[in-house]
Amino acid sequence: MNAVSDLWNDQTAYNKSTTKQFNAKGVWNFERGQITGFVDTSRTTQADYFYLSKDEMSRGLGWDWGGYAPDWNQAGAKAYCNTASFNAKKCDSSGPDKDADGAFTAGQILRDDNLYYLAGDFFLADGFSLRALAYHHDDRGEGHNWNSGAWSNKGTAQEIPIIFRNTIYTIDRDGGTLSFDWELGPHRIEDRRGWPA
């Protein structure tokens, strides 16, 4: 699968979301069982929606406000209007957005996901079966956005009242499951165990 979509709000830049996904499964049957292999991979970059609040709507920004992206200078001029970073000479208070809460976003959510497993189903005797499965899962991602009202490089020539916020995470795990099924007349006994790493 290869999908591309735009944000529904009025944001003219950094508004694309893409997903690339591949799934595959193979099964090999033999006389007293089967082997199954499965692969799932996906690569996602998701444009982040602007934070919408009743306060912003009451100021006339509207439900589809998308900020000033990619106009960085206008975003900076609005950021100088925030209480924590106020600078009367640089503050642009024109328009309905009186500070940078409605000024700029270029946020993205990025994910790389992989899931693999290999399973064996073995019918050892009439009414008795065993299933063994081993898997690997890894996931790497980050989410980032621009926030106003705090300083980057404060006290230097590069000082601006906007910060870059970033979160990064990683998952990397292996594991397995083992189960037995035993049918005794009208009864069925199951024993299932798992070993996540």
N, C-alpha and C. Protein backbone atom coordinates (compact mmCIF):
# COMPACT_ATOMS: atom_id res chain seq x y z
N MET A 1 0.84 -1.17 0.00
CA MET A 1 0.00 0.00 0.00
C MET A 1 0.89 1.24 0.00
N ASN A 2 0.49 2.21 -0.77
CA ASN A 2 1.19 3.49 -0.82
C ASN A 2 0.13 4.58 -0.83
N ALA A 3 -0.02 5.31 0.28
CA ALA A 3 -1.10 6.30 0.40
C ALA A 3 -0.53 7.67 0.73
N VAL A 4 -1.14 8.70 0.14
CA VAL A 4 -0.76 10.09 0.39
C VAL A 4 -2.04 10.87 0.67
N SER A 5 -2.01 11.71 1.69
CA SER A 5 -3.18 12.53 2.00
C SER A 5 -2.73 13.91 2.48
N ASP A 6 -3.65 14.87 2.36
CA ASP A 6 -3.40 16.23 2.82
C ASP A 6 -4.16 16.49 4.11
N LEU A 7 -3.72 17.48 4.86
CA LEU A 7 -4.50 17.94 6.00
C LEU A 7 -5.79 18.59 5.51
N TRP A 8 -6.85 18.47 6.30
CA TRP A 8 -8.11 19.08 5.88
C TRP A 8 -8.15 20.57 6.18
N ASN A 9 -7.28 21.04 7.07
CA ASN A 9 -7.33 22.47 7.40
C ASN A 9 -6.55 23.30 6.39
N ASP A 10 -6.62 24.59 6.55
CA ASP A 10 -6.02 25.52 5.58
C ASP A 10 -4.55 25.75 5.92
N GLN A 11 -3.74 24.73 5.69
CA GLN A 11 -2.30 24.83 5.92
C GLN A 11 -1.61 24.57 4.59
N THR A 12 -0.91 25.57 4.08
CA THR A 12 -0.40 25.50 2.71
C THR A 12 0.95 24.81 2.58
N ALA A 13 1.63 24.54 3.70
CA ALA A 13 2.94 23.88 3.65
C ALA A 13 3.02 22.83 4.74
N TYR A 14 3.90 21.87 4.54
CA TYR A 14 4.11 20.78 5.52
C TYR A 14 2.80 20.06 5.83
N ASN A 15 1.99 19.84 4.83
CA ASN A 15 0.65 19.30 5.05
C ASN A 15 0.44 17.91 4.46
N LYS A 16 1.50 17.24 4.06
CA LYS A 16 1.38 15.92 3.45
C LYS A 16 1.62 14.81 4.47
N SER A 17 0.79 13.79 4.40
CA SER A 17 0.99 12.57 5.18
C SER A 17 1.14 11.41 4.21
N THR A 18 2.12 10.55 4.46
CA THR A 18 2.34 9.40 3.58
C THR A 18 2.45 8.12 4.40
N THR A 19 1.95 7.05 3.84
CA THR A 19 2.07 5.73 4.45
C THR A 19 2.46 4.72 3.38
N LYS A 20 3.51 3.97 3.64
CA LYS A 20 3.93 2.88 2.77
C LYS A 20 3.92 1.62 3.62
N GLN A 21 3.13 0.64 3.20
CA GLN A 21 2.98 -0.58 4.00
C GLN A 21 3.04 -1.81 3.10
N PHE A 22 3.68 -2.85 3.64
CA PHE A 22 3.78 -4.13 2.93
C PHE A 22 3.45 -5.26 3.90
N ASN A 23 2.53 -6.12 3.51
CA ASN A 23 2.16 -7.30 4.30
C ASN A 23 2.31 -8.54 3.42
N ALA A 24 2.84 -9.60 4.00
CA ALA A 24 2.96 -10.86 3.26
C ALA A 24 2.84 -12.02 4.24
N LYS A 25 2.24 -13.09 3.76
CA LYS A 25 2.08 -14.29 4.59
C LYS A 25 2.22 -15.51 3.70
N GLY A 26 3.00 -16.47 4.17
CA GLY A 26 3.18 -17.71 3.44
C GLY A 26 2.91 -18.90 4.34
N VAL A 27 2.25 -19.92 3.78
CA VAL A 27 1.90 -21.11 4.56
C VAL A 27 2.36 -22.35 3.80
N TRP A 28 3.06 -23.23 4.49
CA TRP A 28 3.49 -24.51 3.92
C TRP A 28 2.82 -25.63 4.71
N ASN A 29 1.97 -26.37 4.02
CA ASN A 29 1.26 -27.49 4.64
C ASN A 29 1.99 -28.80 4.36
N PHE A 30 2.05 -29.63 5.37
CA PHE A 30 2.58 -30.98 5.20
C PHE A 30 1.67 -31.94 5.96
N GLU A 31 2.04 -33.21 5.96
CA GLU A 31 1.10 -34.24 6.40
C GLU A 31 0.55 -34.00 7.81
N ARG A 32 1.38 -33.67 8.75
CA ARG A 32 0.90 -33.53 10.13
C ARG A 32 1.18 -32.13 10.70
N GLY A 33 1.02 -31.11 9.84
CA GLY A 33 1.19 -29.76 10.35
C GLY A 33 1.35 -28.72 9.27
N GLN A 34 1.73 -27.53 9.68
CA GLN A 34 1.97 -26.45 8.75
C GLN A 34 2.94 -25.44 9.36
N ILE A 35 3.68 -24.76 8.47
CA ILE A 35 4.59 -23.69 8.86
C ILE A 35 4.07 -22.39 8.25
N THR A 36 4.02 -21.34 9.06
CA THR A 36 3.52 -20.05 8.60
C THR A 36 4.57 -18.97 8.84
N GLY A 37 4.80 -18.15 7.83
CA GLY A 37 5.68 -16.99 7.96
C GLY A 37 4.90 -15.72 7.65
N PHE A 38 5.15 -14.67 8.42
CA PHE A 38 4.40 -13.42 8.25
C PHE A 38 5.35 -12.23 8.34
N VAL A 39 5.13 -11.24 7.48
CA VAL A 39 5.93 -10.01 7.46
C VAL A 39 4.98 -8.82 7.36
N ASP A 40 5.20 -7.82 8.20
CA ASP A 40 4.46 -6.56 8.11
C ASP A 40 5.44 -5.41 8.34
N THR A 41 5.57 -4.53 7.36
CA THR A 41 6.42 -3.35 7.51
C THR A 41 5.62 -2.12 7.11
N SER A 42 5.85 -1.02 7.78
CA SER A 42 5.20 0.23 7.41
C SER A 42 6.12 1.40 7.70
N ARG A 43 6.04 2.40 6.84
CA ARG A 43 6.80 3.64 6.98
C ARG A 43 5.80 4.79 6.88
N THR A 44 5.71 5.57 7.94
CA THR A 44 4.70 6.62 8.01
C THR A 44 5.32 7.96 8.36
N THR A 45 4.91 8.98 7.64
CA THR A 45 5.17 10.35 8.04
C THR A 45 3.83 11.08 8.03
N GLN A 46 3.46 11.60 9.17
CA GLN A 46 2.13 12.18 9.33
C GLN A 46 2.23 13.65 9.69
N ALA A 47 1.63 14.49 8.87
CA ALA A 47 1.59 15.92 9.18
C ALA A 47 0.72 16.14 10.40
N ASP A 48 1.17 17.02 11.27
CA ASP A 48 0.48 17.25 12.54
C ASP A 48 -0.50 18.40 12.38
N TYR A 49 -1.72 18.19 12.87
CA TYR A 49 -2.72 19.25 12.80
C TYR A 49 -2.41 20.37 13.79
N PHE A 50 -2.85 21.56 13.42
CA PHE A 50 -2.71 22.71 14.30
C PHE A 50 -3.58 22.50 15.53
N TYR A 51 -3.09 22.94 16.69
CA TYR A 51 -3.89 22.84 17.92
C TYR A 51 -5.09 23.76 17.82
N LEU A 52 -6.28 23.19 17.89
CA LEU A 52 -7.51 23.95 17.76
C LEU A 52 -8.14 24.10 19.14
N SER A 53 -8.52 25.32 19.50
CA SER A 53 -9.14 25.56 20.80
C SER A 53 -10.31 26.52 20.64
N LYS A 54 -11.19 26.51 21.62
CA LYS A 54 -12.32 27.45 21.61
C LYS A 54 -11.81 28.89 21.66
N ASP A 55 -10.72 29.10 22.38
CA ASP A 55 -10.17 30.45 22.48
C ASP A 55 -9.71 30.95 21.11
N GLU A 56 -9.04 30.09 20.35
CA GLU A 56 -8.59 30.50 19.02
C GLU A 56 -9.78 30.77 18.10
N MET A 57 -10.80 29.93 18.19
CA MET A 57 -11.98 30.14 17.34
C MET A 57 -12.70 31.42 17.72
N SER A 58 -12.76 31.72 19.03
CA SER A 58 -13.44 32.94 19.47
C SER A 58 -12.70 34.19 19.01
N ARG A 59 -11.41 34.06 18.72
CA ARG A 59 -10.63 35.20 18.23
C ARG A 59 -10.76 35.36 16.72
N GLY A 60 -11.50 34.47 16.08
CA GLY A 60 -11.75 34.60 14.66
C GLY A 60 -10.81 33.82 13.77
N LEU A 61 -10.02 32.91 14.35
CA LEU A 61 -9.10 32.13 13.51
C LEU A 61 -9.83 31.09 12.67
N GLY A 62 -10.99 30.63 13.14
CA GLY A 62 -11.77 29.68 12.35
C GLY A 62 -11.38 28.24 12.60
N TRP A 63 -12.28 27.34 12.24
CA TRP A 63 -12.08 25.90 12.51
C TRP A 63 -11.00 25.30 11.63
N ASP A 64 -10.69 25.92 10.49
CA ASP A 64 -9.70 25.34 9.58
C ASP A 64 -8.39 26.14 9.56
N TRP A 65 -8.13 26.92 10.61
CA TRP A 65 -6.91 27.71 10.67
C TRP A 65 -5.69 26.80 10.60
N GLY A 66 -4.74 27.15 9.73
CA GLY A 66 -3.55 26.33 9.56
C GLY A 66 -2.25 27.04 9.87
N GLY A 67 -2.33 28.24 10.39
CA GLY A 67 -1.11 28.96 10.73
C GLY A 67 -0.46 29.63 9.53
N TYR A 68 0.75 30.13 9.74
CA TYR A 68 1.45 30.90 8.71
C TYR A 68 2.49 30.09 7.94
N ALA A 69 2.65 28.85 8.25
CA ALA A 69 3.66 28.04 7.55
C ALA A 69 3.46 28.16 6.04
N PRO A 70 4.55 28.39 5.29
CA PRO A 70 5.96 28.37 5.68
C PRO A 70 6.56 29.76 5.95
N ASP A 71 5.73 30.74 6.32
CA ASP A 71 6.23 32.10 6.55
C ASP A 71 6.86 32.20 7.95
N TRP A 72 8.13 31.85 8.04
CA TRP A 72 8.84 31.82 9.32
C TRP A 72 8.95 33.22 9.93
N ASN A 73 9.14 34.25 9.11
CA ASN A 73 9.27 35.61 9.64
C ASN A 73 8.00 36.08 10.33
N GLN A 74 6.85 35.76 9.73
CA GLN A 74 5.58 36.14 10.35
C GLN A 74 5.36 35.37 11.65
N ALA A 75 5.73 34.10 11.65
CA ALA A 75 5.61 33.31 12.88
C ALA A 75 6.47 33.89 13.99
N GLY A 76 7.69 34.29 13.64
CA GLY A 76 8.57 34.90 14.63
C GLY A 76 8.02 36.21 15.16
N ALA A 77 7.45 37.01 14.27
CA ALA A 77 6.87 38.29 14.68
C ALA A 77 5.72 38.08 15.65
N LYS A 78 4.94 37.04 15.43
CA LYS A 78 3.85 36.71 16.36
C LYS A 78 4.40 36.18 17.68
N ALA A 79 5.48 35.42 17.62
CA ALA A 79 6.05 34.84 18.84
C ALA A 79 6.56 35.93 19.79
N TYR A 80 6.96 37.07 19.24
CA TYR A 80 7.40 38.17 20.09
C TYR A 80 6.23 38.83 20.83
N CYS A 81 5.00 38.44 20.52
CA CYS A 81 3.82 38.98 21.21
C CYS A 81 3.45 38.14 22.43
N ASN A 82 4.01 36.96 22.57
CA ASN A 82 3.70 36.12 23.72
C ASN A 82 4.19 36.77 25.01
N THR A 83 3.49 36.49 26.09
CA THR A 83 3.84 37.09 27.38
C THR A 83 5.27 36.77 27.79
N ALA A 84 5.67 35.51 27.63
CA ALA A 84 7.00 35.09 28.10
C ALA A 84 8.13 35.58 27.21
N SER A 85 7.81 36.03 26.00
CA SER A 85 8.87 36.47 25.08
C SER A 85 8.52 37.82 24.43
N PHE A 86 7.77 38.64 25.17
CA PHE A 86 7.25 39.89 24.60
C PHE A 86 8.38 40.87 24.27
N ASN A 87 8.30 41.41 23.06
CA ASN A 87 9.20 42.47 22.61
C ASN A 87 8.36 43.43 21.78
N ALA A 88 8.05 44.60 22.34
CA ALA A 88 7.12 45.53 21.70
C ALA A 88 7.58 45.96 20.32
N LYS A 89 8.89 46.08 20.11
CA LYS A 89 9.41 46.53 18.82
C LYS A 89 9.25 45.47 17.73
N LYS A 90 9.29 44.21 18.12
CA LYS A 90 9.25 43.13 17.13
C LYS A 90 7.89 42.44 17.05
N CYS A 91 7.00 42.74 17.99
CA CYS A 91 5.69 42.09 18.03
C CYS A 91 4.79 42.60 16.91
N ASP A 92 4.23 41.68 16.13
CA ASP A 92 3.24 42.02 15.10
C ASP A 92 1.87 41.58 15.62
N SER A 93 1.10 42.53 16.11
CA SER A 93 -0.20 42.20 16.72
C SER A 93 -1.36 42.36 15.75
N SER A 94 -1.07 42.47 14.46
CA SER A 94 -2.14 42.60 13.48
C SER A 94 -2.87 41.27 13.31
N GLY A 95 -4.10 41.34 12.85
CA GLY A 95 -4.86 40.12 12.60
C GLY A 95 -5.51 39.57 13.86
N PRO A 96 -6.32 38.54 13.71
CA PRO A 96 -7.06 38.00 14.86
C PRO A 96 -6.19 37.23 15.85
N ASP A 97 -5.07 36.71 15.41
CA ASP A 97 -4.19 35.96 16.31
C ASP A 97 -3.24 36.95 16.97
N LYS A 98 -3.44 37.19 18.24
CA LYS A 98 -2.70 38.23 18.95
C LYS A 98 -1.34 37.75 19.45
N ASP A 99 -1.10 36.45 19.42
CA ASP A 99 0.21 35.93 19.81
C ASP A 99 0.49 34.69 18.98
N ALA A 100 1.58 34.02 19.26
CA ALA A 100 2.04 32.93 18.39
C ALA A 100 1.30 31.62 18.60
N ASP A 101 0.31 31.60 19.51
CA ASP A 101 -0.46 30.36 19.66
C ASP A 101 -1.14 29.98 18.36
N GLY A 102 -1.39 30.95 17.51
CA GLY A 102 -2.02 30.65 16.23
C GLY A 102 -1.13 30.89 15.05
N ALA A 103 0.19 30.86 15.25
CA ALA A 103 1.08 31.35 14.21
C ALA A 103 1.69 30.28 13.30
N PHE A 104 2.25 29.24 13.84
CA PHE A 104 3.10 28.41 13.00
C PHE A 104 3.10 26.96 13.47
N THR A 105 3.05 26.06 12.53
CA THR A 105 3.29 24.65 12.85
C THR A 105 3.92 23.97 11.65
N ALA A 106 4.85 23.12 11.92
CA ALA A 106 5.44 22.29 10.87
C ALA A 106 5.65 20.89 11.43
N GLY A 107 4.76 20.51 12.32
CA GLY A 107 4.93 19.26 13.05
C GLY A 107 4.81 18.04 12.16
N GLN A 108 5.54 17.01 12.52
CA GLN A 108 5.49 15.73 11.83
C GLN A 108 5.57 14.60 12.85
N ILE A 109 4.89 13.52 12.56
CA ILE A 109 4.99 12.29 13.33
C ILE A 109 5.57 11.24 12.39
N LEU A 110 6.70 10.66 12.76
CA LEU A 110 7.42 9.71 11.90
C LEU A 110 7.47 8.36 12.58
N ARG A 111 7.17 7.29 11.82
CA ARG A 111 7.21 5.94 12.38
C ARG A 111 7.74 4.95 11.36
N ASP A 112 8.60 4.04 11.84
CA ASP A 112 9.05 2.87 11.07
C ASP A 112 8.71 1.64 11.90
N ASP A 113 7.80 0.81 11.40
CA ASP A 113 7.34 -0.37 12.13
C ASP A 113 7.67 -1.64 11.35
N ASN A 114 8.14 -2.66 12.05
CA ASN A 114 8.39 -3.98 11.47
C ASN A 114 7.91 -5.06 12.43
N LEU A 115 7.19 -6.03 11.89
CA LEU A 115 6.75 -7.18 12.67
C LEU A 115 6.94 -8.43 11.82
N TYR A 116 7.64 -9.41 12.38
CA TYR A 116 7.88 -10.68 11.69
C TYR A 116 7.55 -11.82 12.65
N TYR A 117 6.96 -12.88 12.11
CA TYR A 117 6.83 -14.08 12.94
C TYR A 117 6.92 -15.34 12.08
N LEU A 118 7.35 -16.40 12.74
CA LEU A 118 7.42 -17.73 12.14
C LEU A 118 6.72 -18.67 13.10
N ALA A 119 5.72 -19.40 12.61
CA ALA A 119 4.92 -20.26 13.47
C ALA A 119 4.85 -21.67 12.88
N GLY A 120 4.79 -22.63 13.77
CA GLY A 120 4.62 -24.02 13.36
C GLY A 120 3.46 -24.65 14.11
N ASP A 121 2.56 -25.26 13.37
CA ASP A 121 1.44 -26.03 13.95
C ASP A 121 1.69 -27.50 13.66
N PHE A 122 1.73 -28.30 14.71
CA PHE A 122 2.08 -29.71 14.57
C PHE A 122 0.98 -30.57 15.21
N PHE A 123 0.40 -31.44 14.40
CA PHE A 123 -0.66 -32.34 14.86
C PHE A 123 0.00 -33.67 15.20
N LEU A 124 0.42 -33.78 16.45
CA LEU A 124 1.28 -34.89 16.87
C LEU A 124 0.53 -36.21 16.97
N ALA A 125 -0.73 -36.15 17.31
CA ALA A 125 -1.56 -37.36 17.43
C ALA A 125 -3.01 -36.92 17.36
N ASP A 126 -3.90 -37.87 17.20
CA ASP A 126 -5.32 -37.53 17.17
C ASP A 126 -5.70 -36.83 18.48
N GLY A 127 -6.23 -35.62 18.35
CA GLY A 127 -6.66 -34.88 19.53
C GLY A 127 -5.56 -34.15 20.27
N PHE A 128 -4.32 -34.18 19.76
CA PHE A 128 -3.22 -33.51 20.46
C PHE A 128 -2.39 -32.71 19.45
N SER A 129 -2.25 -31.42 19.71
CA SER A 129 -1.51 -30.55 18.79
C SER A 129 -0.62 -29.59 19.56
N LEU A 130 0.39 -29.10 18.87
CA LEU A 130 1.34 -28.15 19.45
C LEU A 130 1.51 -27.00 18.47
N ARG A 131 1.57 -25.80 19.02
CA ARG A 131 1.83 -24.61 18.18
C ARG A 131 2.98 -23.82 18.81
N ALA A 132 4.00 -23.53 18.02
CA ALA A 132 5.14 -22.74 18.47
C ALA A 132 5.29 -21.53 17.55
N LEU A 133 5.54 -20.38 18.14
CA LEU A 133 5.65 -19.14 17.37
C LEU A 133 6.79 -18.30 17.92
N ALA A 134 7.61 -17.76 17.04
CA ALA A 134 8.67 -16.81 17.41
C ALA A 134 8.45 -15.52 16.62
N TYR A 135 8.65 -14.38 17.30
CA TYR A 135 8.40 -13.11 16.63
C TYR A 135 9.49 -12.09 16.93
N HIS A 136 9.56 -11.10 16.06
CA HIS A 136 10.42 -9.94 16.27
C HIS A 136 9.60 -8.69 15.94
N HIS A 137 9.69 -7.69 16.80
CA HIS A 137 8.98 -6.43 16.58
C HIS A 137 9.94 -5.28 16.87
N ASP A 138 10.08 -4.38 15.91
CA ASP A 138 10.84 -3.16 16.18
C ASP A 138 10.07 -1.96 15.63
N ASP A 139 10.19 -0.87 16.34
CA ASP A 139 9.44 0.34 16.02
C ASP A 139 10.30 1.54 16.41
N ARG A 140 10.54 2.41 15.46
CA ARG A 140 11.30 3.62 15.72
C ARG A 140 10.50 4.82 15.23
N GLY A 141 10.45 5.83 16.07
CA GLY A 141 9.65 6.98 15.68
C GLY A 141 10.03 8.24 16.41
N GLU A 142 9.45 9.32 15.94
CA GLU A 142 9.63 10.60 16.60
C GLU A 142 8.46 11.50 16.26
N GLY A 143 8.23 12.45 17.14
CA GLY A 143 7.23 13.47 16.90
C GLY A 143 7.86 14.82 17.20
N HIS A 144 7.65 15.79 16.34
CA HIS A 144 8.25 17.09 16.59
C HIS A 144 7.32 18.23 16.19
N ASN A 145 7.55 19.36 16.81
CA ASN A 145 6.75 20.54 16.53
C ASN A 145 7.51 21.78 16.96
N TRP A 146 7.00 22.92 16.54
CA TRP A 146 7.57 24.21 16.92
C TRP A 146 6.65 24.84 17.96
N ASN A 147 7.23 25.37 19.03
CA ASN A 147 6.44 26.00 20.08
C ASN A 147 6.99 27.39 20.37
N SER A 148 6.07 28.31 20.64
CA SER A 148 6.46 29.69 20.92
C SER A 148 6.36 29.97 22.41
N GLY A 149 6.85 31.15 22.79
CA GLY A 149 6.78 31.55 24.19
C GLY A 149 7.97 31.12 25.01
N ALA A 150 8.94 30.48 24.40
CA ALA A 150 10.19 30.10 25.05
C ALA A 150 11.33 30.42 24.09
N TRP A 151 12.53 30.58 24.62
CA TRP A 151 13.64 31.08 23.82
C TRP A 151 14.55 29.96 23.32
N SER A 152 14.99 30.12 22.09
CA SER A 152 16.10 29.33 21.55
C SER A 152 17.31 30.25 21.46
N ASN A 153 18.46 29.77 21.90
CA ASN A 153 19.72 30.54 21.83
C ASN A 153 19.61 31.90 22.52
N LYS A 154 18.96 31.91 23.67
CA LYS A 154 18.75 33.18 24.37
C LYS A 154 20.09 33.85 24.72
N GLY A 155 20.13 35.16 24.49
CA GLY A 155 21.33 35.93 24.81
C GLY A 155 22.38 35.92 23.72
N THR A 156 22.05 35.33 22.56
CA THR A 156 22.99 35.30 21.44
C THR A 156 22.38 36.03 20.24
N ALA A 157 23.18 36.18 19.20
CA ALA A 157 22.69 36.83 17.98
C ALA A 157 21.63 35.99 17.28
N GLN A 158 21.58 34.69 17.58
CA GLN A 158 20.60 33.80 16.95
C GLN A 158 19.33 33.64 17.80
N GLU A 159 19.16 34.46 18.81
CA GLU A 159 18.02 34.34 19.72
C GLU A 159 16.69 34.48 18.99
N ILE A 160 15.80 33.54 19.20
CA ILE A 160 14.44 33.61 18.67
C ILE A 160 13.48 33.08 19.74
N PRO A 161 12.23 33.57 19.76
CA PRO A 161 11.27 33.15 20.78
C PRO A 161 10.46 31.91 20.36
N ILE A 162 11.11 30.98 19.69
CA ILE A 162 10.47 29.74 19.24
C ILE A 162 11.43 28.59 19.53
N ILE A 163 10.90 27.50 20.05
CA ILE A 163 11.72 26.32 20.32
C ILE A 163 11.26 25.16 19.45
N PHE A 164 12.16 24.24 19.23
CA PHE A 164 11.87 23.00 18.51
C PHE A 164 11.73 21.89 19.54
N ARG A 165 10.55 21.28 19.59
CA ARG A 165 10.28 20.21 20.55
C ARG A 165 10.30 18.87 19.83
N ASN A 166 11.02 17.92 20.39
CA ASN A 166 11.18 16.63 19.72
C ASN A 166 11.10 15.49 20.73
N THR A 167 10.37 14.45 20.40
CA THR A 167 10.34 13.23 21.21
C THR A 167 10.75 12.06 20.32
N ILE A 168 11.61 11.20 20.84
CA ILE A 168 12.13 10.06 20.09
C ILE A 168 11.93 8.80 20.92
N TYR A 169 11.48 7.73 20.28
CA TYR A 169 11.32 6.47 21.00
C TYR A 169 11.76 5.30 20.14
N THR A 170 12.07 4.20 20.80
CA THR A 170 12.50 2.98 20.11
C THR A 170 11.93 1.77 20.84
N ILE A 171 11.42 0.83 20.08
CA ILE A 171 11.00 -0.47 20.60
C ILE A 171 11.75 -1.54 19.82
N ASP A 172 12.33 -2.49 20.51
CA ASP A 172 13.06 -3.58 19.85
C ASP A 172 12.92 -4.81 20.73
N ARG A 173 12.06 -5.74 20.33
CA ARG A 173 11.80 -6.89 21.19
C ARG A 173 11.60 -8.16 20.38
N ASP A 174 11.92 -9.26 21.02
CA ASP A 174 11.72 -10.59 20.46
C ASP A 174 10.96 -11.42 21.49
N GLY A 175 10.29 -12.42 21.02
CA GLY A 175 9.55 -13.27 21.94
C GLY A 175 9.01 -14.50 21.25
N GLY A 176 8.26 -15.26 21.99
CA GLY A 176 7.68 -16.47 21.44
C GLY A 176 6.51 -16.95 22.28
N THR A 177 5.72 -17.81 21.69
CA THR A 177 4.61 -18.45 22.39
C THR A 177 4.66 -19.95 22.10
N LEU A 178 4.16 -20.71 23.05
CA LEU A 178 4.09 -22.17 22.91
C LEU A 178 2.77 -22.62 23.50
N SER A 179 2.04 -23.42 22.75
CA SER A 179 0.73 -23.87 23.24
C SER A 179 0.51 -25.33 22.88
N PHE A 180 -0.22 -26.01 23.77
CA PHE A 180 -0.63 -27.40 23.56
C PHE A 180 -2.14 -27.47 23.65
N ASP A 181 -2.74 -28.22 22.76
CA ASP A 181 -4.18 -28.49 22.81
C ASP A 181 -4.38 -30.00 22.88
N TRP A 182 -5.19 -30.41 23.85
CA TRP A 182 -5.43 -31.84 24.07
C TRP A 182 -6.92 -32.05 24.25
N GLU A 183 -7.49 -32.84 23.35
CA GLU A 183 -8.92 -33.13 23.41
C GLU A 183 -9.13 -34.51 24.03
N LEU A 184 -9.93 -34.52 25.10
CA LEU A 184 -10.26 -35.76 25.81
C LEU A 184 -11.77 -35.92 25.81
N GLY A 185 -12.28 -36.66 24.84
CA GLY A 185 -13.72 -36.82 24.74
C GLY A 185 -14.39 -35.47 24.55
N PRO A 186 -15.34 -35.12 25.43
CA PRO A 186 -16.02 -33.84 25.29
C PRO A 186 -15.22 -32.68 25.88
N HIS A 187 -14.03 -32.93 26.42
CA HIS A 187 -13.24 -31.90 27.08
C HIS A 187 -12.05 -31.48 26.21
N ARG A 188 -11.61 -30.26 26.46
CA ARG A 188 -10.44 -29.75 25.76
C ARG A 188 -9.52 -29.04 26.76
N ILE A 189 -8.28 -29.43 26.80
CA ILE A 189 -7.29 -28.84 27.70
C ILE A 189 -6.31 -28.02 26.88
N GLU A 190 -6.08 -26.80 27.31
CA GLU A 190 -5.15 -25.91 26.62
C GLU A 190 -4.08 -25.42 27.60
N ASP A 191 -2.86 -25.41 27.16
CA ASP A 191 -1.75 -24.86 27.93
C ASP A 191 -1.00 -23.88 27.03
N ARG A 192 -1.01 -22.61 27.41
CA ARG A 192 -0.39 -21.58 26.57
C ARG A 192 0.64 -20.81 27.39
N ARG A 193 1.80 -20.58 26.79
CA ARG A 193 2.88 -19.87 27.47
C ARG A 193 3.52 -18.86 26.51
N GLY A 194 4.01 -17.77 27.08
CA GLY A 194 4.66 -16.75 26.27
C GLY A 194 5.96 -16.30 26.89
N TRP A 195 6.91 -15.92 26.04
CA TRP A 195 8.22 -15.46 26.49
C TRP A 195 8.60 -14.17 25.76
N PRO A 196 8.09 -13.04 26.21
CA PRO A 196 8.56 -11.79 25.59
C PRO A 196 9.95 -11.44 26.08
N ALA A 197 10.74 -10.87 25.19
CA ALA A 197 12.10 -10.47 25.56
C ALA A 197 12.14 -9.00 25.93
